């Protein structure tokens, strides 16, 4: 990760850089944070930035919310917070149980995954991006999902559309159109 001090001296730091490491650096400095075209922070600088912002939000002296001790929170407000957390936790479990596709890119954010394509000089289509992020490291789709079925159906429709098309529509546009129809059609998606 690129680091610039107050005198303009540029260093490249490798290895793990945690959010708390930023607090420990003395003097004026800048970390280089890259953003994609969607203004999402990417790569190592993006990860440090996101962790740093989250760290600030956890420090009441830097980001106060009015109550410094949980024991001093109004009991009704406390009950509402706990109920909301339980509700969203239960809803999250239900939603995960209903998922028909599992993203398998682990800790790699979608922004970094998309940036990997951009490093090869092009933007991925929806079909290609979905396919890349829904395969395991072994190159297979997770069991107990309908991802393989969706991809097979999309591939078949894309091939048929390209074969029957008399227009000069780029393949990526055909792929996106077919994939979006399959993915976001109310009868096919969860």
Protein backbone atom coordinates (compact mmCIF):
# COMPACT_ATOMS: atom_id res chain seq x y z
CA UNK A 1 0.00 0.00 0.00
CA UNK A 2 1.33 3.44 -0.89
CA UNK A 3 2.04 5.81 2.00
CA UNK A 4 3.17 9.45 1.69
CA UNK A 5 4.64 11.42 4.61
CA UNK A 6 4.55 15.22 5.23
CA UNK A 7 7.75 15.78 3.21
CA UNK A 8 6.26 14.00 0.19
CA UNK A 9 8.41 10.89 0.60
CA UNK A 10 6.53 7.93 -0.86
CA UNK A 11 6.85 4.47 0.68
CA UNK A 12 5.20 1.23 -0.17
CA UNK A 13 4.19 -0.82 2.83
CA UNK A 14 3.46 -4.49 2.52
CA UNK A 15 1.99 -6.92 4.96
CA UNK A 16 -0.99 -6.44 7.19
CA UNK A 17 -2.07 -2.86 7.91
CA UNK A 18 -4.91 -2.67 10.42
CA UNK A 19 -7.13 0.31 11.20
CA UNK A 20 -5.50 0.76 14.62
CA UNK A 21 -2.08 1.02 12.88
CA UNK A 22 -3.29 4.27 11.28
CA UNK A 23 -3.80 5.80 14.73
CA UNK A 24 -0.25 4.91 15.76
CA UNK A 25 1.54 6.66 12.87
CA UNK A 26 3.08 9.94 14.05
CA UNK A 27 2.99 13.11 12.00
CA UNK A 28 1.20 14.03 8.81
CA UNK A 29 0.72 11.26 6.28
CA UNK A 30 -1.54 10.00 3.52
CA UNK A 31 -2.51 6.51 2.43
CA UNK A 32 -3.36 6.06 -1.21
CA UNK A 33 -6.89 4.71 -1.60
CA UNK A 34 -8.07 3.72 -5.07
CA UNK A 35 -11.73 3.84 -6.08
CA UNK A 36 -13.52 2.14 -8.96
CA UNK A 37 -15.81 3.99 -11.33
CA UNK A 38 -18.69 3.43 -8.89
CA UNK A 39 -16.72 5.33 -6.20
CA UNK A 40 -16.25 2.16 -4.14
CA UNK A 41 -12.89 1.93 -2.35
CA UNK A 42 -10.90 -1.02 -3.66
CA UNK A 43 -7.81 -3.07 -2.90
CA UNK A 44 -5.78 -2.81 0.28
CA UNK A 45 -6.24 0.94 0.68
CA UNK A 46 -10.00 0.50 0.45
CA UNK A 47 -9.99 -2.19 3.11
CA UNK A 48 -7.94 -0.01 5.48
CA UNK A 49 -10.23 2.99 4.83
CA UNK A 50 -13.40 1.01 5.56
CA UNK A 51 -11.95 -0.47 8.75
CA UNK A 52 -10.70 2.97 9.83
CA UNK A 53 -14.13 4.59 9.33
CA UNK A 54 -15.78 1.73 11.25
CA UNK A 55 -13.19 2.22 14.01
CA UNK A 56 -14.10 5.92 14.26
CA UNK A 57 -17.79 5.03 14.55
CA UNK A 58 -16.97 2.79 17.52
CA UNK A 59 -15.24 5.56 19.47
CA UNK A 60 -17.89 7.59 21.33
CA UNK A 61 -15.49 10.46 21.93
CA UNK A 62 -15.08 10.83 18.13
CA UNK A 63 -18.57 9.88 17.03
CA UNK A 64 -20.91 10.46 19.98
CA UNK A 65 -24.47 9.21 20.00
CA UNK A 66 -25.41 10.81 23.30
CA UNK A 67 -25.07 7.89 25.72
CA UNK A 68 -21.65 6.63 26.74
CA UNK A 69 -22.74 3.63 28.77
CA UNK A 70 -25.25 0.99 27.71
CA UNK A 71 -26.60 0.85 31.30
CA UNK A 72 -27.73 4.47 30.96
CA UNK A 73 -29.88 3.85 27.87
CA UNK A 74 -33.59 4.37 28.44
CA UNK A 75 -35.12 0.93 29.14
CA UNK A 76 -37.79 1.29 26.43
CA UNK A 77 -35.17 2.34 23.87
CA UNK A 78 -32.98 -0.59 24.99
CA UNK A 79 -35.91 -3.00 24.56
CA UNK A 80 -36.65 -1.57 21.08
CA UNK A 81 -33.00 -1.96 20.04
CA UNK A 82 -32.85 -5.55 21.28
CA UNK A 83 -36.16 -6.37 19.55
CA UNK A 84 -34.94 -4.81 16.29
CA UNK A 85 -31.70 -6.79 16.42
CA UNK A 86 -33.63 -10.01 17.06
CA UNK A 87 -36.07 -9.24 14.25
CA UNK A 88 -33.32 -8.57 11.72
CA UNK A 89 -31.31 -11.57 12.91
CA UNK A 90 -34.34 -13.84 12.43
CA UNK A 91 -35.16 -12.20 9.08
CA UNK A 92 -31.53 -12.66 8.02
CA UNK A 93 -31.68 -16.36 8.87
CA UNK A 94 -34.92 -16.75 6.93
CA UNK A 95 -33.51 -14.84 3.96
CA UNK A 96 -30.31 -16.93 3.93
CA UNK A 97 -32.38 -20.11 4.05
CA UNK A 98 -34.32 -18.94 0.99
CA UNK A 99 -31.23 -18.09 -1.08
CA UNK A 100 -30.97 -20.05 -4.28
CA UNK A 101 -27.50 -18.67 -5.14
CA UNK A 102 -24.47 -18.37 -2.88
CA UNK A 103 -21.66 -15.97 -3.62
CA UNK A 104 -18.36 -17.74 -3.15
CA UNK A 105 -15.79 -14.97 -3.45
CA UNK A 106 -15.22 -14.94 0.31
CA UNK A 107 -13.56 -11.82 1.68
CA UNK A 108 -13.03 -10.37 -1.78
CA UNK A 109 -15.53 -7.55 -2.21
CA UNK A 110 -17.59 -7.28 -5.37
CA UNK A 111 -15.81 -3.96 -6.01
CA UNK A 112 -12.40 -5.72 -5.99
CA UNK A 113 -13.79 -8.60 -8.02
CA UNK A 114 -15.06 -6.16 -10.66
CA UNK A 115 -11.71 -4.35 -10.58
CA UNK A 116 -9.97 -7.65 -11.41
CA UNK A 117 -11.85 -7.65 -14.72
CA UNK A 118 -10.98 -3.99 -15.32
CA UNK A 119 -7.28 -4.80 -14.93
CA UNK A 120 -7.71 -6.99 -18.01
CA UNK A 121 -9.09 -4.02 -19.91
CA UNK A 122 -12.82 -4.60 -19.82
CA UNK A 123 -15.99 -4.38 -17.76
CA UNK A 124 -17.63 -7.75 -17.01
CA UNK A 125 -21.19 -8.44 -18.08
CA UNK A 126 -23.77 -9.52 -15.51
CA UNK A 127 -23.70 -13.15 -16.66
CA UNK A 128 -19.91 -13.43 -16.53
CA UNK A 129 -19.65 -11.59 -13.21
CA UNK A 130 -22.33 -13.76 -11.59
CA UNK A 131 -20.68 -16.92 -12.92
CA UNK A 132 -17.27 -15.88 -11.57
CA UNK A 133 -18.56 -14.97 -8.11
CA UNK A 134 -20.79 -18.00 -7.64
CA UNK A 135 -18.28 -20.80 -8.26
CA UNK A 136 -16.18 -22.41 -5.56
CA UNK A 137 -12.38 -22.49 -5.81
CA UNK A 138 -12.76 -25.91 -7.46
CA UNK A 139 -14.74 -24.30 -10.30
CA UNK A 140 -18.07 -25.89 -9.36
CA UNK A 141 -21.30 -24.36 -8.13
CA UNK A 142 -22.33 -24.90 -4.50
CA UNK A 143 -24.61 -27.85 -3.82
CA UNK A 144 -28.22 -27.27 -2.82
CA UNK A 145 -28.51 -24.16 -5.01
CA UNK A 146 -30.01 -23.65 -8.43
CA UNK A 147 -27.00 -21.71 -9.70
CA UNK A 148 -25.88 -24.42 -12.14
CA UNK A 149 -29.40 -24.60 -13.54
CA UNK A 150 -29.58 -20.81 -13.99
CA UNK A 151 -26.16 -20.64 -15.67
CA UNK A 152 -27.01 -23.58 -18.00
CA UNK A 153 -30.33 -21.96 -18.94
CA UNK A 154 -28.62 -18.60 -19.54
CA UNK A 155 -25.85 -20.19 -21.64
CA UNK A 156 -28.42 -22.03 -23.77
CA UNK A 157 -30.49 -18.87 -24.34
CA UNK A 158 -27.40 -16.79 -25.08
CA UNK A 159 -26.16 -19.33 -27.64
CA UNK A 160 -29.60 -19.48 -29.29
CA UNK A 161 -29.91 -15.69 -29.33
CA UNK A 162 -26.45 -15.18 -30.82
CA UNK A 163 -27.06 -17.89 -33.45
CA UNK A 164 -30.42 -16.45 -34.53
CA UNK A 165 -29.46 -12.79 -34.32
CA UNK A 166 -29.04 -10.95 -37.59
CA UNK A 167 -27.92 -7.77 -35.83
CA UNK A 168 -24.38 -6.86 -34.94
CA UNK A 169 -25.25 -6.59 -31.24
CA UNK A 170 -22.11 -7.32 -29.16
CA UNK A 171 -22.20 -10.67 -27.35
CA UNK A 172 -21.85 -9.01 -23.95
CA UNK A 173 -25.07 -7.06 -24.61
CA UNK A 174 -26.87 -10.29 -25.55
CA UNK A 175 -25.48 -11.99 -22.42
CA UNK A 176 -26.63 -9.13 -20.19
CA UNK A 177 -30.11 -9.04 -21.73
CA UNK A 178 -30.64 -12.80 -21.36
CA UNK A 179 -29.11 -12.93 -17.88
CA UNK A 180 -31.18 -10.00 -16.60
CA UNK A 181 -34.37 -11.56 -17.96
CA UNK A 182 -33.60 -14.85 -16.18
CA UNK A 183 -32.21 -13.40 -12.97
CA UNK A 184 -34.76 -10.71 -12.33
CA UNK A 185 -37.88 -12.37 -13.72
CA UNK A 186 -40.20 -12.85 -10.72
CA UNK A 187 -40.83 -16.49 -11.64
CA UNK A 188 -37.10 -17.39 -11.71
CA UNK A 189 -35.52 -15.45 -8.86
CA UNK A 190 -35.60 -15.60 -5.10
